[in-house]
């Protein structure tokens, strides 16, 4: 087995054990030493993968994101999708994957609940956030290239951030969703993503601005 494969396997095992201990004890491991002791693993082996428990915690959602992104983007039909369809495909695949880890996701959100309304308080999402926004912004740039999305001065480079806020909104909705099979969440995904693309697409306001520019330039 190649060294890279061994590394990934060990990292996945550590993450899986961290999630298990957190849920069974209703509390995250308090130190690297105690966590490694329960695994019968030397601390050095832990630090080969993570610099701290906080770094491990941040990497959990990031690893899920990378796996879902790669799965979605590797499908044969993905390249034929519009930017809107690509983001919808990711959202549906993402929440399908999260079902397997719903208890842990709920634990993290409940733990951080009440620490402030800002998404910045969700530190455990930091690893995923950076990669998601970068990927989403690439989608938006593609959309601007095909004129699916309107390029607007000062805000076009923030479309990826808007997609992140949309994901946070749907996650909160999903955690509160009591419908069978989370069908209401599916509806929330479709409605919120479609609304977002309607807003960033070309609108009558854009036409009005362009007409105003035309009149100004040809007075």
N, C-alpha and C. Protein backbone atom coordinates (compact mmCIF):
# COMPACT_ATOMS: atom_id res chain seq x y z
N UNK A 1 0.85 -1.21 0.00
CA UNK A 1 0.00 0.00 0.00
C UNK A 1 0.88 1.24 0.00
N UNK A 2 0.54 2.21 -0.86
CA UNK A 2 1.32 3.43 -0.94
C UNK A 2 1.21 4.23 0.35
N UNK A 3 2.26 5.01 0.64
CA UNK A 3 2.30 5.80 1.86
C UNK A 3 1.12 6.75 1.95
N UNK A 4 0.75 7.41 0.82
CA UNK A 4 -0.36 8.36 0.81
C UNK A 4 -1.67 7.67 1.21
N UNK A 5 -1.86 6.43 0.75
CA UNK A 5 -3.07 5.69 1.09
C UNK A 5 -3.12 5.36 2.57
N UNK A 6 -1.98 5.00 3.15
CA UNK A 6 -1.91 4.71 4.58
C UNK A 6 -2.24 5.96 5.37
N UNK A 7 -1.71 7.09 4.93
CA UNK A 7 -1.93 8.37 5.62
C UNK A 7 -3.42 8.70 5.65
N UNK A 8 -4.09 8.58 4.52
CA UNK A 8 -5.50 8.90 4.44
C UNK A 8 -6.33 7.95 5.31
N UNK A 9 -5.93 6.68 5.30
CA UNK A 9 -6.67 5.70 6.09
C UNK A 9 -6.54 6.02 7.57
N UNK A 10 -5.37 6.32 8.04
CA UNK A 10 -5.16 6.64 9.45
C UNK A 10 -5.92 7.91 9.84
N UNK A 11 -5.90 8.90 8.97
CA UNK A 11 -6.58 10.16 9.24
C UNK A 11 -8.08 9.92 9.36
N UNK A 12 -8.64 9.12 8.47
CA UNK A 12 -10.07 8.82 8.51
C UNK A 12 -10.44 8.07 9.78
N UNK A 13 -9.56 7.17 10.22
CA UNK A 13 -9.80 6.40 11.44
C UNK A 13 -9.81 7.32 12.67
N UNK A 14 -8.90 8.25 12.72
CA UNK A 14 -8.81 9.19 13.84
C UNK A 14 -10.07 10.05 13.89
N UNK A 15 -10.50 10.55 12.73
CA UNK A 15 -11.72 11.36 12.68
C UNK A 15 -12.93 10.57 13.13
N UNK A 16 -13.03 9.34 12.63
CA UNK A 16 -14.16 8.48 12.99
C UNK A 16 -14.20 8.23 14.49
N UNK A 17 -13.05 7.99 15.09
CA UNK A 17 -12.98 7.73 16.53
C UNK A 17 -13.31 8.99 17.33
N UNK A 18 -12.88 10.14 16.84
CA UNK A 18 -13.18 11.40 17.52
C UNK A 18 -14.69 11.64 17.54
N UNK A 19 -15.34 11.41 16.42
CA UNK A 19 -16.80 11.58 16.34
C UNK A 19 -17.49 10.61 17.29
N UNK A 20 -17.04 9.35 17.28
CA UNK A 20 -17.66 8.34 18.15
C UNK A 20 -17.54 8.72 19.61
N UNK A 21 -16.35 9.10 20.05
CA UNK A 21 -16.17 9.46 21.46
C UNK A 21 -16.99 10.69 21.84
N UNK A 22 -17.04 11.65 20.95
CA UNK A 22 -17.81 12.87 21.21
C UNK A 22 -19.28 12.57 21.43
N UNK A 23 -19.85 11.72 20.56
CA UNK A 23 -21.27 11.41 20.66
C UNK A 23 -21.58 10.51 21.85
N UNK A 24 -20.72 9.54 22.10
CA UNK A 24 -20.97 8.61 23.21
C UNK A 24 -20.83 9.28 24.57
N UNK A 25 -19.94 10.25 24.66
CA UNK A 25 -19.72 10.94 25.93
C UNK A 25 -20.46 12.28 26.01
N UNK A 26 -21.10 12.64 24.90
CA UNK A 26 -21.77 13.94 24.78
C UNK A 26 -20.81 15.07 25.13
N UNK A 27 -19.56 14.86 24.79
CA UNK A 27 -18.50 15.83 25.09
C UNK A 27 -17.28 15.47 24.26
N UNK A 28 -16.65 16.47 23.67
CA UNK A 28 -15.46 16.22 22.87
C UNK A 28 -14.29 15.85 23.78
N UNK A 29 -13.34 15.05 23.29
CA UNK A 29 -12.15 14.73 24.07
C UNK A 29 -11.47 16.01 24.56
N UNK A 30 -11.00 16.00 25.78
CA UNK A 30 -10.47 17.23 26.38
C UNK A 30 -9.00 17.48 26.07
N UNK A 31 -8.26 16.46 25.68
CA UNK A 31 -6.85 16.66 25.37
C UNK A 31 -6.37 15.60 24.38
N UNK A 32 -5.31 15.93 23.67
CA UNK A 32 -4.72 14.99 22.72
C UNK A 32 -4.22 13.76 23.47
N UNK A 33 -3.66 13.99 24.64
CA UNK A 33 -3.11 12.87 25.43
C UNK A 33 -4.20 11.85 25.77
N UNK A 34 -5.31 12.34 26.32
CA UNK A 34 -6.38 11.42 26.72
C UNK A 34 -7.03 10.76 25.52
N UNK A 35 -7.17 11.51 24.45
CA UNK A 35 -7.76 10.96 23.24
C UNK A 35 -6.90 9.83 22.69
N UNK A 36 -5.58 10.07 22.62
CA UNK A 36 -4.67 9.06 22.11
C UNK A 36 -4.61 7.84 23.03
N UNK A 37 -4.72 8.09 24.33
CA UNK A 37 -4.67 6.99 25.30
C UNK A 37 -5.81 6.02 25.08
N UNK A 38 -7.01 6.54 24.82
CA UNK A 38 -8.16 5.66 24.58
C UNK A 38 -8.02 4.87 23.28
N UNK A 39 -7.21 5.41 22.35
CA UNK A 39 -6.99 4.72 21.07
C UNK A 39 -5.81 3.76 21.13
N UNK A 40 -5.01 3.88 22.20
CA UNK A 40 -3.80 3.09 22.27
C UNK A 40 -2.81 3.55 21.22
N UNK A 41 -2.78 4.85 20.99
CA UNK A 41 -1.94 5.43 19.95
C UNK A 41 -0.98 6.45 20.55
N UNK A 42 0.22 6.49 20.06
CA UNK A 42 1.18 7.47 20.53
C UNK A 42 0.79 8.86 20.04
N UNK A 43 1.08 9.87 20.85
CA UNK A 43 0.73 11.23 20.46
C UNK A 43 1.40 11.62 19.15
N UNK A 44 2.60 11.13 18.93
CA UNK A 44 3.33 11.47 17.71
C UNK A 44 2.52 11.08 16.48
N UNK A 45 1.83 9.94 16.54
CA UNK A 45 1.02 9.50 15.41
C UNK A 45 -0.13 10.46 15.15
N UNK A 46 -0.69 11.02 16.22
CA UNK A 46 -1.76 12.00 16.07
C UNK A 46 -1.23 13.25 15.38
N UNK A 47 -0.07 13.73 15.85
CA UNK A 47 0.50 14.97 15.31
C UNK A 47 1.03 14.81 13.89
N UNK A 48 1.14 13.58 13.41
CA UNK A 48 1.48 13.38 12.01
C UNK A 48 0.35 13.84 11.10
N UNK A 49 -0.87 13.94 11.68
CA UNK A 49 -2.06 14.29 10.90
C UNK A 49 -2.67 15.63 11.28
N UNK A 50 -2.65 15.94 12.58
CA UNK A 50 -3.31 17.15 13.07
C UNK A 50 -2.41 17.85 14.09
N UNK A 51 -2.46 19.17 14.09
CA UNK A 51 -1.65 19.94 15.04
C UNK A 51 -2.31 20.08 16.40
N UNK A 52 -3.63 19.85 16.46
CA UNK A 52 -4.38 19.98 17.71
C UNK A 52 -5.75 19.35 17.54
N UNK A 53 -6.49 19.23 18.64
CA UNK A 53 -7.87 18.73 18.55
C UNK A 53 -8.75 19.73 17.79
N UNK A 54 -8.44 21.02 17.93
CA UNK A 54 -9.21 22.04 17.21
C UNK A 54 -9.00 21.89 15.70
N UNK A 55 -7.77 21.59 15.31
CA UNK A 55 -7.48 21.40 13.88
C UNK A 55 -8.21 20.17 13.36
N UNK A 56 -8.26 19.12 14.17
CA UNK A 56 -8.99 17.91 13.80
C UNK A 56 -10.47 18.24 13.60
N UNK A 57 -11.01 18.98 14.56
CA UNK A 57 -12.43 19.34 14.53
C UNK A 57 -12.76 20.13 13.27
N UNK A 58 -11.91 21.06 12.89
CA UNK A 58 -12.13 21.86 11.70
C UNK A 58 -12.02 21.03 10.43
N UNK A 59 -11.20 19.98 10.47
CA UNK A 59 -10.97 19.20 9.26
C UNK A 59 -12.09 18.21 8.97
N UNK A 60 -12.93 17.92 9.95
CA UNK A 60 -14.01 16.93 9.76
C UNK A 60 -14.94 17.37 8.63
N UNK A 61 -15.50 18.57 8.76
CA UNK A 61 -16.43 19.05 7.74
C UNK A 61 -15.70 19.28 6.41
N UNK A 62 -14.45 19.67 6.50
CA UNK A 62 -13.67 19.89 5.28
C UNK A 62 -13.49 18.58 4.51
N UNK A 63 -13.20 17.49 5.21
CA UNK A 63 -13.03 16.19 4.55
C UNK A 63 -14.34 15.75 3.90
N UNK A 64 -15.45 15.98 4.60
CA UNK A 64 -16.75 15.66 4.01
C UNK A 64 -16.99 16.47 2.75
N UNK A 65 -16.67 17.77 2.82
CA UNK A 65 -16.86 18.64 1.66
C UNK A 65 -16.05 18.16 0.47
N UNK A 66 -14.76 17.88 0.69
CA UNK A 66 -13.89 17.45 -0.40
C UNK A 66 -14.40 16.16 -1.04
N UNK A 67 -14.90 15.25 -0.21
CA UNK A 67 -15.41 13.97 -0.73
C UNK A 67 -16.66 14.19 -1.58
N UNK A 68 -17.58 15.02 -1.09
CA UNK A 68 -18.82 15.28 -1.84
C UNK A 68 -18.52 16.06 -3.11
N UNK A 69 -17.66 17.08 -3.01
CA UNK A 69 -17.30 17.86 -4.19
C UNK A 69 -16.71 16.97 -5.27
N UNK A 70 -15.76 16.11 -4.88
CA UNK A 70 -15.11 15.24 -5.86
C UNK A 70 -16.09 14.25 -6.47
N UNK A 71 -17.01 13.76 -5.65
CA UNK A 71 -18.01 12.80 -6.14
C UNK A 71 -18.94 13.46 -7.16
N UNK A 72 -19.39 14.68 -6.84
CA UNK A 72 -20.32 15.39 -7.73
C UNK A 72 -19.63 15.80 -9.03
N UNK A 73 -18.43 16.36 -8.91
CA UNK A 73 -17.75 16.89 -10.10
C UNK A 73 -17.21 15.79 -11.02
N UNK A 74 -17.12 14.57 -10.52
CA UNK A 74 -16.58 13.48 -11.34
C UNK A 74 -17.66 12.76 -12.16
N UNK A 75 -18.93 13.12 -11.98
CA UNK A 75 -19.99 12.48 -12.76
C UNK A 75 -19.91 12.93 -14.22
N UNK A 76 -20.37 12.08 -15.12
CA UNK A 76 -20.28 12.36 -16.55
C UNK A 76 -21.07 13.60 -16.96
N UNK A 77 -22.20 13.83 -16.30
CA UNK A 77 -23.08 14.92 -16.72
C UNK A 77 -22.69 16.27 -16.13
N UNK A 78 -21.80 16.26 -15.14
CA UNK A 78 -21.49 17.50 -14.41
C UNK A 78 -21.02 18.62 -15.34
N UNK A 79 -20.16 18.29 -16.28
CA UNK A 79 -19.59 19.33 -17.15
C UNK A 79 -20.64 19.98 -18.04
N UNK A 80 -21.76 19.30 -18.24
CA UNK A 80 -22.81 19.87 -19.09
C UNK A 80 -23.79 20.74 -18.29
N UNK A 81 -23.65 20.76 -16.97
CA UNK A 81 -24.54 21.54 -16.12
C UNK A 81 -24.24 23.03 -16.19
N UNK A 82 -25.27 23.82 -15.95
CA UNK A 82 -25.08 25.25 -15.75
C UNK A 82 -24.53 25.45 -14.35
N UNK A 83 -24.09 26.67 -14.02
CA UNK A 83 -23.58 26.94 -12.68
C UNK A 83 -24.68 26.69 -11.64
N UNK A 84 -25.90 27.06 -11.96
CA UNK A 84 -27.03 26.82 -11.05
C UNK A 84 -27.21 25.33 -10.78
N UNK A 85 -27.16 24.54 -11.83
CA UNK A 85 -27.35 23.09 -11.70
C UNK A 85 -26.20 22.44 -10.93
N UNK A 86 -24.99 22.97 -11.12
CA UNK A 86 -23.84 22.42 -10.41
C UNK A 86 -23.97 22.66 -8.91
N UNK A 87 -24.41 23.87 -8.54
CA UNK A 87 -24.55 24.17 -7.11
C UNK A 87 -25.70 23.37 -6.51
N UNK A 88 -26.78 23.22 -7.24
CA UNK A 88 -27.91 22.41 -6.76
C UNK A 88 -27.46 20.96 -6.56
N UNK A 89 -26.70 20.44 -7.51
CA UNK A 89 -26.22 19.05 -7.41
C UNK A 89 -25.38 18.87 -6.16
N UNK A 90 -24.52 19.85 -5.88
CA UNK A 90 -23.69 19.76 -4.68
C UNK A 90 -24.56 19.81 -3.43
N UNK A 91 -25.49 20.74 -3.36
CA UNK A 91 -26.34 20.88 -2.17
C UNK A 91 -27.09 19.59 -1.87
N UNK A 92 -27.70 19.00 -2.88
CA UNK A 92 -28.46 17.77 -2.67
C UNK A 92 -27.54 16.64 -2.20
N UNK A 93 -26.36 16.51 -2.82
CA UNK A 93 -25.41 15.47 -2.44
C UNK A 93 -24.85 15.72 -1.04
N UNK A 94 -24.63 16.99 -0.70
CA UNK A 94 -24.09 17.35 0.60
C UNK A 94 -25.03 16.93 1.73
N UNK A 95 -26.30 17.27 1.60
CA UNK A 95 -27.22 16.95 2.68
C UNK A 95 -27.57 15.46 2.72
N UNK A 96 -27.44 14.80 1.60
CA UNK A 96 -27.60 13.35 1.59
C UNK A 96 -26.48 12.71 2.39
N UNK A 97 -25.27 13.23 2.25
CA UNK A 97 -24.12 12.73 3.00
C UNK A 97 -24.24 13.07 4.48
N UNK A 98 -24.71 14.27 4.80
CA UNK A 98 -24.82 14.69 6.20
C UNK A 98 -25.82 13.84 7.00
N UNK A 99 -26.75 13.20 6.32
CA UNK A 99 -27.73 12.35 7.03
C UNK A 99 -27.00 11.30 7.87
N UNK A 100 -25.89 10.81 7.33
CA UNK A 100 -25.13 9.77 8.04
C UNK A 100 -24.49 10.30 9.32
N UNK A 101 -24.27 11.63 9.36
CA UNK A 101 -23.59 12.24 10.50
C UNK A 101 -24.48 13.26 11.21
N UNK A 102 -25.77 13.15 11.06
CA UNK A 102 -26.69 14.16 11.58
C UNK A 102 -26.51 14.40 13.08
N UNK A 103 -26.31 13.33 13.84
CA UNK A 103 -26.16 13.48 15.30
C UNK A 103 -24.94 14.33 15.63
N UNK A 104 -23.85 14.12 14.91
CA UNK A 104 -22.64 14.91 15.18
C UNK A 104 -22.82 16.36 14.73
N UNK A 105 -23.43 16.56 13.57
CA UNK A 105 -23.67 17.92 13.09
C UNK A 105 -24.55 18.67 14.08
N UNK A 106 -25.61 18.00 14.55
CA UNK A 106 -26.51 18.63 15.51
C UNK A 106 -25.78 18.95 16.81
N UNK A 107 -24.91 18.04 17.25
CA UNK A 107 -24.13 18.28 18.47
C UNK A 107 -23.29 19.54 18.33
N UNK A 108 -22.61 19.69 17.22
CA UNK A 108 -21.74 20.85 17.02
C UNK A 108 -22.55 22.15 16.97
N UNK A 109 -23.66 22.13 16.28
CA UNK A 109 -24.47 23.35 16.18
C UNK A 109 -25.08 23.71 17.54
N UNK A 110 -25.53 22.71 18.27
CA UNK A 110 -26.11 22.99 19.60
C UNK A 110 -25.04 23.50 20.56
N UNK A 111 -23.85 22.96 20.44
CA UNK A 111 -22.74 23.37 21.31
C UNK A 111 -22.39 24.85 21.09
N UNK A 112 -22.48 25.29 19.85
CA UNK A 112 -22.10 26.66 19.53
C UNK A 112 -23.30 27.61 19.53
N UNK A 113 -24.48 27.07 19.77
CA UNK A 113 -25.68 27.89 19.80
C UNK A 113 -25.62 28.87 20.97
N UNK A 114 -26.01 30.11 20.72
CA UNK A 114 -26.02 31.10 21.79
C UNK A 114 -24.72 31.84 21.97
N UNK A 115 -23.70 31.48 21.16
CA UNK A 115 -22.41 32.18 21.26
C UNK A 115 -22.37 33.40 20.35
N UNK A 116 -23.51 33.71 19.77
CA UNK A 116 -23.58 34.88 18.88
C UNK A 116 -24.22 34.51 17.57
N UNK A 117 -24.90 35.45 16.92
CA UNK A 117 -25.60 35.16 15.67
C UNK A 117 -24.70 35.04 14.46
N UNK A 118 -23.47 35.49 14.59
CA UNK A 118 -22.59 35.51 13.44
C UNK A 118 -22.11 34.12 13.06
N UNK A 119 -22.13 33.79 11.73
CA UNK A 119 -21.59 32.52 11.26
C UNK A 119 -20.11 32.36 11.61
N UNK A 120 -19.44 33.48 11.91
CA UNK A 120 -18.04 33.42 12.27
C UNK A 120 -17.82 32.65 13.56
N UNK A 121 -18.89 32.48 14.36
CA UNK A 121 -18.77 31.74 15.61
C UNK A 121 -18.64 30.24 15.37
N UNK A 122 -19.00 29.79 14.17
CA UNK A 122 -18.95 28.36 13.87
C UNK A 122 -17.53 27.98 13.44
N UNK A 123 -16.62 28.04 14.39
CA UNK A 123 -15.21 27.80 14.10
C UNK A 123 -14.93 26.42 13.53
N UNK A 124 -15.76 25.45 13.89
CA UNK A 124 -15.53 24.09 13.41
C UNK A 124 -15.76 23.96 11.90
N UNK A 125 -16.31 25.00 11.27
CA UNK A 125 -16.53 24.99 9.83
C UNK A 125 -15.43 25.72 9.05
N UNK A 126 -14.46 26.28 9.76
CA UNK A 126 -13.46 27.12 9.11
C UNK A 126 -12.72 26.42 7.98
N UNK A 127 -12.34 25.16 8.21
CA UNK A 127 -11.61 24.43 7.18
C UNK A 127 -12.43 24.26 5.91
N UNK A 128 -13.68 23.87 6.07
CA UNK A 128 -14.57 23.70 4.93
C UNK A 128 -14.89 25.03 4.27
N UNK A 129 -15.10 26.05 5.09
CA UNK A 129 -15.52 27.36 4.58
C UNK A 129 -14.56 27.88 3.51
N UNK A 130 -13.29 27.83 3.80
CA UNK A 130 -12.30 28.35 2.84
C UNK A 130 -12.39 27.63 1.50
N UNK A 131 -12.44 26.31 1.55
CA UNK A 131 -12.48 25.52 0.31
C UNK A 131 -13.81 25.65 -0.42
N UNK A 132 -14.90 25.71 0.34
CA UNK A 132 -16.21 25.84 -0.29
C UNK A 132 -16.34 27.17 -1.03
N UNK A 133 -15.96 28.26 -0.37
CA UNK A 133 -16.08 29.58 -0.99
C UNK A 133 -15.22 29.67 -2.25
N UNK A 134 -14.02 29.12 -2.20
CA UNK A 134 -13.15 29.12 -3.37
C UNK A 134 -13.79 28.36 -4.53
N UNK A 135 -14.36 27.18 -4.22
CA UNK A 135 -15.01 26.37 -5.25
C UNK A 135 -16.27 27.05 -5.78
N UNK A 136 -17.08 27.59 -4.88
CA UNK A 136 -18.33 28.25 -5.28
C UNK A 136 -18.03 29.48 -6.14
N UNK A 137 -16.98 30.21 -5.78
CA UNK A 137 -16.63 31.41 -6.57
C UNK A 137 -16.19 31.01 -7.98
N UNK A 138 -15.52 29.88 -8.10
CA UNK A 138 -15.16 29.38 -9.43
C UNK A 138 -16.40 29.09 -10.26
N UNK A 139 -17.42 28.51 -9.61
CA UNK A 139 -18.69 28.27 -10.29
C UNK A 139 -19.31 29.58 -10.77
N UNK A 140 -19.30 30.57 -9.88
CA UNK A 140 -19.88 31.86 -10.23
C UNK A 140 -19.11 32.52 -11.37
N UNK A 141 -17.80 32.39 -11.37
CA UNK A 141 -16.99 32.95 -12.46
C UNK A 141 -17.34 32.27 -13.78
N UNK A 142 -17.58 30.94 -13.72
CA UNK A 142 -18.01 30.22 -14.92
C UNK A 142 -19.34 30.78 -15.41
N UNK A 143 -20.25 30.99 -14.45
CA UNK A 143 -21.56 31.52 -14.79
C UNK A 143 -21.49 32.90 -15.40
N UNK A 144 -20.55 33.72 -14.91
CA UNK A 144 -20.38 35.06 -15.50
C UNK A 144 -19.79 34.95 -16.90
N UNK A 145 -18.95 33.94 -17.10
CA UNK A 145 -18.36 33.74 -18.42
C UNK A 145 -19.38 33.34 -19.46
N UNK A 146 -20.42 32.61 -19.04
CA UNK A 146 -21.47 32.18 -19.97
C UNK A 146 -22.66 33.13 -19.95
N UNK A 147 -22.55 34.21 -19.18
CA UNK A 147 -23.61 35.22 -19.05
C UNK A 147 -24.85 34.71 -18.29
N UNK A 148 -24.69 33.55 -17.65
CA UNK A 148 -25.77 33.05 -16.79
C UNK A 148 -25.91 33.95 -15.56
N UNK A 149 -24.78 34.49 -15.13
CA UNK A 149 -24.72 35.37 -13.97
C UNK A 149 -24.22 36.73 -14.42
N UNK A 150 -24.83 37.76 -13.88
CA UNK A 150 -24.43 39.12 -14.24
C UNK A 150 -23.21 39.56 -13.42
N UNK A 151 -22.22 40.06 -14.11
CA UNK A 151 -21.04 40.56 -13.41
C UNK A 151 -21.33 41.97 -12.90
N UNK A 152 -21.16 42.18 -11.62
CA UNK A 152 -21.46 43.47 -11.02
C UNK A 152 -20.25 43.96 -10.23
N UNK A 153 -19.90 45.20 -10.46
CA UNK A 153 -18.74 45.79 -9.83
C UNK A 153 -18.88 45.75 -8.31
N UNK A 154 -17.80 45.41 -7.62
CA UNK A 154 -17.68 45.39 -6.16
C UNK A 154 -18.30 44.15 -5.50
N UNK A 155 -19.27 43.50 -6.13
CA UNK A 155 -19.93 42.37 -5.45
C UNK A 155 -19.73 41.03 -6.16
N UNK A 156 -19.29 41.04 -7.42
CA UNK A 156 -19.13 39.78 -8.15
C UNK A 156 -18.17 38.82 -7.46
N UNK A 157 -17.14 39.39 -6.83
CA UNK A 157 -16.15 38.52 -6.17
C UNK A 157 -16.61 38.05 -4.79
N UNK A 158 -17.86 38.38 -4.43
CA UNK A 158 -18.43 37.94 -3.17
C UNK A 158 -19.56 36.93 -3.36
N UNK A 159 -19.79 36.53 -4.61
CA UNK A 159 -20.86 35.57 -4.88
C UNK A 159 -20.61 34.23 -4.17
N UNK A 160 -19.33 33.85 -4.08
CA UNK A 160 -19.00 32.61 -3.37
C UNK A 160 -19.35 32.69 -1.91
N UNK A 161 -19.14 33.86 -1.30
CA UNK A 161 -19.51 34.06 0.10
C UNK A 161 -21.02 33.96 0.28
N UNK A 162 -21.77 34.48 -0.70
CA UNK A 162 -23.23 34.40 -0.65
C UNK A 162 -23.70 32.95 -0.70
N UNK A 163 -23.01 32.14 -1.51
CA UNK A 163 -23.34 30.72 -1.60
C UNK A 163 -23.09 30.02 -0.26
N UNK A 164 -22.03 30.45 0.44
CA UNK A 164 -21.72 29.90 1.76
C UNK A 164 -22.83 30.22 2.76
N UNK A 165 -23.31 31.46 2.75
CA UNK A 165 -24.40 31.85 3.64
C UNK A 165 -25.67 31.07 3.31
N UNK A 166 -25.86 30.80 2.03
CA UNK A 166 -27.01 29.99 1.62
C UNK A 166 -26.91 28.59 2.20
N UNK A 167 -25.69 28.02 2.17
CA UNK A 167 -25.47 26.69 2.72
C UNK A 167 -25.73 26.66 4.22
N UNK A 168 -25.29 27.70 4.93
CA UNK A 168 -25.53 27.79 6.36
C UNK A 168 -27.03 27.87 6.66
N UNK A 169 -27.74 28.64 5.85
CA UNK A 169 -29.19 28.78 6.03
C UNK A 169 -29.88 27.42 5.88
N UNK A 170 -29.54 26.69 4.83
CA UNK A 170 -30.18 25.40 4.59
C UNK A 170 -29.80 24.39 5.67
N UNK A 171 -28.56 24.47 6.17
CA UNK A 171 -28.14 23.56 7.24
C UNK A 171 -28.98 23.79 8.49
N UNK A 172 -29.19 25.04 8.84
CA UNK A 172 -30.03 25.37 9.99
C UNK A 172 -31.46 24.87 9.77
N UNK A 173 -31.96 25.04 8.56
CA UNK A 173 -33.31 24.57 8.21
C UNK A 173 -33.38 23.05 8.34
N UNK A 174 -32.37 22.36 7.84
CA UNK A 174 -32.33 20.90 7.87
C UNK A 174 -32.33 20.36 9.29
N UNK A 175 -31.58 21.00 10.17
CA UNK A 175 -31.51 20.54 11.56
C UNK A 175 -32.84 20.71 12.29
N UNK A 176 -33.68 21.61 11.80
CA UNK A 176 -35.00 21.83 12.41
C UNK A 176 -36.11 21.10 11.66
N UNK A 177 -35.77 20.50 10.52
CA UNK A 177 -36.77 19.88 9.65
C UNK A 177 -37.29 18.58 10.26
N UNK A 178 -38.61 18.48 10.42
CA UNK A 178 -39.23 17.28 10.97
C UNK A 178 -40.05 16.52 9.91
N UNK A 179 -39.93 16.94 8.65
CA UNK A 179 -40.70 16.29 7.60
C UNK A 179 -40.12 14.93 7.24
N UNK A 180 -40.95 14.06 6.69
CA UNK A 180 -40.53 12.72 6.32
C UNK A 180 -39.44 12.78 5.24
N UNK A 181 -38.32 12.10 5.52
CA UNK A 181 -37.22 12.09 4.55
C UNK A 181 -36.61 13.45 4.29
N UNK A 182 -36.88 14.38 5.20
CA UNK A 182 -36.38 15.76 5.07
C UNK A 182 -36.77 16.38 3.71
N UNK A 183 -38.01 16.06 3.30
CA UNK A 183 -38.46 16.57 2.00
C UNK A 183 -38.58 18.09 1.99
N UNK A 184 -38.85 18.69 3.14
CA UNK A 184 -38.93 20.15 3.21
C UNK A 184 -37.56 20.78 2.96
N UNK A 185 -36.52 20.08 3.40
CA UNK A 185 -35.16 20.57 3.15
C UNK A 185 -34.85 20.57 1.66
N UNK A 186 -35.28 19.50 0.97
CA UNK A 186 -35.09 19.45 -0.48
C UNK A 186 -35.74 20.66 -1.15
N UNK A 187 -36.93 21.00 -0.66
CA UNK A 187 -37.64 22.15 -1.21
C UNK A 187 -36.90 23.45 -0.88
N UNK A 188 -36.37 23.53 0.34
CA UNK A 188 -35.62 24.72 0.75
C UNK A 188 -34.36 24.89 -0.11
N UNK A 189 -33.70 23.78 -0.42
CA UNK A 189 -32.51 23.83 -1.28
C UNK A 189 -32.88 24.41 -2.64
N UNK A 190 -33.90 23.82 -3.25
CA UNK A 190 -34.28 24.24 -4.59
C UNK A 190 -34.72 25.70 -4.63
N UNK A 191 -35.55 26.08 -3.67
CA UNK A 191 -36.09 27.45 -3.66
C UNK A 191 -34.99 28.48 -3.38
N UNK A 192 -34.12 28.19 -2.40
CA UNK A 192 -33.09 29.17 -2.01
C UNK A 192 -32.03 29.32 -3.09
N UNK A 193 -31.59 28.21 -3.69
CA UNK A 193 -30.57 28.30 -4.74
C UNK A 193 -31.14 28.97 -5.98
N UNK A 194 -32.37 28.62 -6.35
CA UNK A 194 -32.98 29.25 -7.51
C UNK A 194 -33.17 30.75 -7.29
N UNK A 195 -33.59 31.13 -6.08
CA UNK A 195 -33.76 32.55 -5.78
C UNK A 195 -32.42 33.27 -5.88
N UNK A 196 -31.38 32.66 -5.34
CA UNK A 196 -30.05 33.28 -5.38
C UNK A 196 -29.61 33.53 -6.82
N UNK A 197 -29.81 32.54 -7.69
CA UNK A 197 -29.39 32.70 -9.07
C UNK A 197 -30.28 33.68 -9.84
N UNK A 198 -31.54 33.75 -9.45
CA UNK A 198 -32.41 34.76 -10.05
C UNK A 198 -31.93 36.16 -9.70
N UNK A 199 -31.43 36.31 -8.46
CA UNK A 199 -30.98 37.62 -8.01
C UNK A 199 -29.66 38.03 -8.64
N UNK A 200 -28.78 37.06 -8.85
CA UNK A 200 -27.47 37.41 -9.41
C UNK A 200 -27.45 37.31 -10.94
N UNK A 201 -28.56 36.84 -11.51
CA UNK A 201 -28.67 36.82 -12.96
C UNK A 201 -29.04 38.21 -13.47
N UNK A 202 -29.12 38.33 -14.77
CA UNK A 202 -29.49 39.62 -15.36
C UNK A 202 -30.94 39.93 -15.03
N UNK A 203 -31.19 41.13 -14.55
CA UNK A 203 -32.53 41.53 -14.12
C UNK A 203 -32.96 42.81 -14.83
N UNK A 204 -34.24 43.19 -14.73
CA UNK A 204 -34.69 44.45 -15.33
C UNK A 204 -33.90 45.66 -14.82
N UNK A 205 -33.42 45.57 -13.58
CA UNK A 205 -32.63 46.67 -13.04
C UNK A 205 -31.34 46.85 -13.82
N UNK A 206 -30.71 45.73 -14.19
CA UNK A 206 -29.48 45.81 -14.98
C UNK A 206 -29.75 46.49 -16.32
N UNK A 207 -30.89 46.14 -16.92
CA UNK A 207 -31.26 46.74 -18.21
C UNK A 207 -31.48 48.24 -18.05
N UNK A 208 -32.11 48.63 -16.94
CA UNK A 208 -32.35 50.05 -16.67
C UNK A 208 -31.03 50.81 -16.52
N UNK A 209 -30.08 50.18 -15.79
CA UNK A 209 -28.77 50.82 -15.57
C UNK A 209 -28.03 50.97 -16.90
N UNK A 210 -28.07 49.92 -17.71
CA UNK A 210 -27.40 49.98 -18.99
C UNK A 210 -28.02 51.04 -19.90
N UNK A 211 -29.37 51.15 -19.85
CA UNK A 211 -30.05 52.16 -20.66
C UNK A 211 -29.70 53.56 -20.17
N UNK A 212 -29.60 53.70 -18.85
CA UNK A 212 -29.21 54.99 -18.27
C UNK A 212 -27.82 55.38 -18.72
N UNK A 213 -26.90 54.41 -18.74
CA UNK A 213 -25.53 54.69 -19.20
C UNK A 213 -25.54 55.12 -20.66
N UNK A 214 -26.36 54.42 -21.45
CA UNK A 214 -26.47 54.73 -22.87
C UNK A 214 -26.94 56.17 -23.09
N UNK A 215 -27.99 56.55 -22.33
CA UNK A 215 -28.53 57.90 -22.47
C UNK A 215 -27.51 58.95 -22.03
N UNK A 216 -26.77 58.64 -20.94
CA UNK A 216 -25.77 59.58 -20.43
C UNK A 216 -24.64 59.78 -21.45
N UNK A 217 -24.22 58.67 -22.07
CA UNK A 217 -23.11 58.72 -23.01
C UNK A 217 -23.51 59.35 -24.35
N UNK A 218 -24.80 59.41 -24.60
CA UNK A 218 -25.27 59.92 -25.89
C UNK A 218 -26.16 61.14 -25.77
N UNK A 219 -25.89 61.96 -24.72
CA UNK A 219 -26.68 63.18 -24.55
C UNK A 219 -26.30 64.21 -25.59
